[in-house]
N, C-alpha and C. Protein backbone atom coordinates (compact mmCIF):
# COMPACT_ATOMS: atom_id res chain seq x y z
N MET A 1 3.33 -0.76 24.05
CA MET A 1 2.22 -0.84 23.13
C MET A 1 2.79 -1.02 21.69
N ASN A 2 2.27 -2.00 20.98
CA ASN A 2 2.70 -2.19 19.65
C ASN A 2 1.92 -1.40 18.66
N LYS A 3 2.59 -0.74 17.69
CA LYS A 3 1.90 0.06 16.67
C LYS A 3 2.16 -0.52 15.31
N ILE A 4 1.21 -0.41 14.41
CA ILE A 4 1.39 -0.80 13.07
C ILE A 4 0.89 0.25 12.11
N ILE A 5 1.37 0.21 10.87
CA ILE A 5 0.84 1.05 9.86
C ILE A 5 -0.03 0.16 8.94
N ASP A 6 -1.35 0.38 9.14
CA ASP A 6 -2.31 -0.35 8.30
C ASP A 6 -2.47 0.31 6.99
N ASN A 7 -3.01 -0.41 5.98
CA ASN A 7 -3.24 0.18 4.68
C ASN A 7 -4.39 -0.39 4.00
N LYS A 8 -4.92 0.32 2.98
CA LYS A 8 -6.07 -0.10 2.17
C LYS A 8 -5.66 -0.44 0.72
N ILE A 9 -4.42 -0.84 0.55
CA ILE A 9 -3.96 -1.11 -0.85
C ILE A 9 -4.74 -2.19 -1.48
N LYS A 10 -4.97 -3.26 -0.77
CA LYS A 10 -5.72 -4.42 -1.41
C LYS A 10 -7.13 -3.98 -1.84
N VAL A 11 -7.80 -3.18 -0.99
CA VAL A 11 -9.14 -2.72 -1.28
C VAL A 11 -9.14 -1.80 -2.48
N LEU A 12 -8.18 -0.88 -2.49
CA LEU A 12 -8.08 0.08 -3.60
C LEU A 12 -7.82 -0.64 -4.89
N ARG A 13 -6.93 -1.66 -4.85
CA ARG A 13 -6.65 -2.45 -6.06
C ARG A 13 -7.93 -3.16 -6.50
N ALA A 14 -8.65 -3.76 -5.61
CA ALA A 14 -9.85 -4.50 -6.00
C ALA A 14 -10.91 -3.60 -6.62
N MET A 15 -11.03 -2.39 -6.08
CA MET A 15 -11.97 -1.47 -6.61
C MET A 15 -11.65 -1.00 -8.01
N ARG A 16 -10.38 -1.10 -8.38
CA ARG A 16 -9.99 -0.70 -9.74
C ARG A 16 -9.68 -1.98 -10.64
N ASP A 17 -10.01 -3.14 -10.10
CA ASP A 17 -9.73 -4.37 -10.87
C ASP A 17 -8.28 -4.48 -11.28
N MET A 18 -7.36 -4.18 -10.38
CA MET A 18 -5.93 -4.16 -10.69
C MET A 18 -5.23 -5.31 -9.98
N THR A 19 -4.36 -5.95 -10.67
CA THR A 19 -3.60 -7.03 -10.07
C THR A 19 -2.44 -6.48 -9.37
N GLN A 20 -1.85 -7.37 -8.46
CA GLN A 20 -0.63 -6.92 -7.71
C GLN A 20 0.50 -6.68 -8.69
N GLU A 21 0.58 -7.43 -9.75
CA GLU A 21 1.59 -7.31 -10.75
C GLU A 21 1.46 -5.94 -11.48
N GLU A 22 0.26 -5.56 -11.84
CA GLU A 22 0.02 -4.28 -12.47
C GLU A 22 0.44 -3.09 -11.57
N LEU A 23 0.03 -3.20 -10.27
CA LEU A 23 0.42 -2.19 -9.35
C LEU A 23 1.88 -2.06 -9.18
N ALA A 24 2.56 -3.26 -9.08
CA ALA A 24 3.96 -3.32 -8.92
C ALA A 24 4.69 -2.67 -10.08
N ASP A 25 4.28 -3.00 -11.30
CA ASP A 25 4.82 -2.43 -12.53
C ASP A 25 4.70 -0.89 -12.61
N SER A 26 3.48 -0.40 -12.16
CA SER A 26 3.23 1.02 -12.31
C SER A 26 3.97 1.85 -11.23
N THR A 27 4.40 1.16 -10.19
CA THR A 27 5.08 1.90 -9.12
C THR A 27 6.55 1.53 -9.04
N GLY A 28 7.02 0.64 -9.92
CA GLY A 28 8.43 0.35 -10.03
C GLY A 28 9.01 -0.52 -8.87
N VAL A 29 8.14 -1.41 -8.33
CA VAL A 29 8.54 -2.35 -7.34
C VAL A 29 8.11 -3.81 -7.79
N THR A 30 8.55 -4.79 -6.97
CA THR A 30 8.18 -6.08 -7.32
C THR A 30 6.78 -6.51 -6.75
N ARG A 31 6.21 -7.52 -7.32
CA ARG A 31 4.97 -7.99 -6.86
C ARG A 31 5.05 -8.49 -5.38
N GLN A 32 6.20 -8.99 -5.01
CA GLN A 32 6.46 -9.45 -3.66
C GLN A 32 6.40 -8.25 -2.67
N THR A 33 6.86 -7.12 -3.06
CA THR A 33 6.78 -5.88 -2.28
C THR A 33 5.33 -5.48 -2.08
N ILE A 34 4.53 -5.54 -3.09
CA ILE A 34 3.08 -5.22 -2.96
C ILE A 34 2.43 -6.26 -1.99
N ILE A 35 2.70 -7.53 -2.13
CA ILE A 35 2.17 -8.57 -1.32
C ILE A 35 2.54 -8.23 0.16
N SER A 36 3.80 -7.94 0.40
CA SER A 36 4.23 -7.60 1.78
C SER A 36 3.65 -6.37 2.40
N ILE A 37 3.42 -5.36 1.58
CA ILE A 37 2.69 -4.16 2.04
C ILE A 37 1.25 -4.55 2.40
N GLU A 38 0.58 -5.22 1.56
CA GLU A 38 -0.80 -5.58 1.75
C GLU A 38 -0.94 -6.43 3.05
N LYS A 39 0.01 -7.22 3.43
CA LYS A 39 -0.02 -8.06 4.56
C LYS A 39 0.53 -7.38 5.81
N ASN A 40 0.80 -6.12 5.68
CA ASN A 40 1.41 -5.34 6.77
C ASN A 40 2.75 -5.91 7.28
N LYS A 41 3.50 -6.57 6.41
CA LYS A 41 4.81 -7.10 6.76
C LYS A 41 5.94 -6.21 6.32
N TYR A 42 5.57 -5.13 5.53
CA TYR A 42 6.55 -4.21 5.07
C TYR A 42 5.88 -2.79 5.03
N VAL A 43 6.63 -1.82 5.61
CA VAL A 43 6.16 -0.46 5.52
C VAL A 43 6.91 0.19 4.37
N PRO A 44 6.21 0.72 3.41
CA PRO A 44 6.91 1.28 2.32
C PRO A 44 7.67 2.56 2.64
N SER A 45 8.62 2.90 1.84
CA SER A 45 9.35 4.18 2.02
C SER A 45 8.37 5.31 1.74
N LEU A 46 8.71 6.47 2.06
CA LEU A 46 7.87 7.63 1.87
C LEU A 46 7.69 7.88 0.37
N GLU A 47 8.77 7.62 -0.41
CA GLU A 47 8.69 7.79 -1.83
C GLU A 47 7.68 6.83 -2.41
N LEU A 48 7.78 5.54 -2.01
CA LEU A 48 6.82 4.56 -2.54
C LEU A 48 5.39 4.85 -2.06
N ALA A 49 5.26 5.30 -0.89
CA ALA A 49 3.90 5.66 -0.35
C ALA A 49 3.29 6.80 -1.28
N PHE A 50 4.12 7.77 -1.65
CA PHE A 50 3.64 8.83 -2.57
C PHE A 50 3.29 8.27 -3.92
N LYS A 51 4.11 7.35 -4.41
CA LYS A 51 3.74 6.72 -5.67
C LYS A 51 2.44 5.95 -5.64
N LEU A 52 2.19 5.24 -4.54
CA LEU A 52 0.94 4.47 -4.40
C LEU A 52 -0.25 5.47 -4.26
N ALA A 53 -0.08 6.57 -3.52
CA ALA A 53 -1.10 7.51 -3.42
C ALA A 53 -1.45 8.14 -4.76
N GLU A 54 -0.44 8.47 -5.54
CA GLU A 54 -0.61 9.04 -6.84
C GLU A 54 -1.36 8.06 -7.80
N GLU A 55 -0.88 6.80 -7.73
CA GLU A 55 -1.51 5.77 -8.60
C GLU A 55 -3.04 5.65 -8.31
N PHE A 56 -3.37 5.77 -7.05
CA PHE A 56 -4.81 5.60 -6.74
C PHE A 56 -5.53 6.89 -6.65
N GLY A 57 -4.90 8.04 -6.82
CA GLY A 57 -5.46 9.31 -6.75
C GLY A 57 -6.09 9.60 -5.35
N GLU A 58 -5.39 9.18 -4.35
CA GLU A 58 -5.82 9.31 -2.97
C GLU A 58 -4.69 9.99 -2.14
N PRO A 59 -5.10 10.77 -1.03
CA PRO A 59 -4.07 11.25 -0.18
C PRO A 59 -3.41 10.14 0.63
N ILE A 60 -2.16 10.22 0.93
CA ILE A 60 -1.50 9.21 1.65
C ILE A 60 -2.21 8.79 2.95
N GLU A 61 -2.66 9.83 3.66
CA GLU A 61 -3.30 9.54 4.97
C GLU A 61 -4.63 8.81 4.87
N SER A 62 -5.24 8.75 3.65
CA SER A 62 -6.44 7.95 3.47
C SER A 62 -6.07 6.48 3.17
N ILE A 63 -4.80 6.22 2.69
CA ILE A 63 -4.38 4.92 2.40
C ILE A 63 -3.72 4.20 3.58
N PHE A 64 -2.88 4.99 4.30
CA PHE A 64 -2.09 4.42 5.37
C PHE A 64 -2.53 5.06 6.71
N THR A 65 -2.77 4.14 7.69
CA THR A 65 -3.14 4.68 9.06
C THR A 65 -2.22 4.02 10.09
N TYR A 66 -1.83 4.78 11.06
CA TYR A 66 -1.00 4.36 12.16
C TYR A 66 -1.93 4.08 13.33
N LYS A 67 -1.86 2.74 13.75
CA LYS A 67 -2.76 2.40 14.86
C LYS A 67 -2.13 1.31 15.75
N ASP A 68 -2.83 1.06 16.90
CA ASP A 68 -2.36 0.02 17.82
C ASP A 68 -2.65 -1.35 17.23
N LYS A 69 -1.68 -2.21 17.41
CA LYS A 69 -1.81 -3.60 16.98
C LYS A 69 -2.72 -4.34 17.95
N SER A 70 -3.71 -4.96 17.43
CA SER A 70 -4.66 -5.74 18.26
C SER A 70 -4.15 -7.11 18.63
């Protein structure tokens, strides 16, 4: 069974009218990293996940979910 870690980064960015570049700058990563996370091609480190959660003022578990790949 394949599992993935899904996320709501793109939705949260849109709700805050934030660009990928702005989010990348505020969390200390590249825009490409943000793109890869949003497309579920890259699972962020725990440190980066905490930074993203802090940026959005959300708990990590509300941003990232572990689920079966459909």
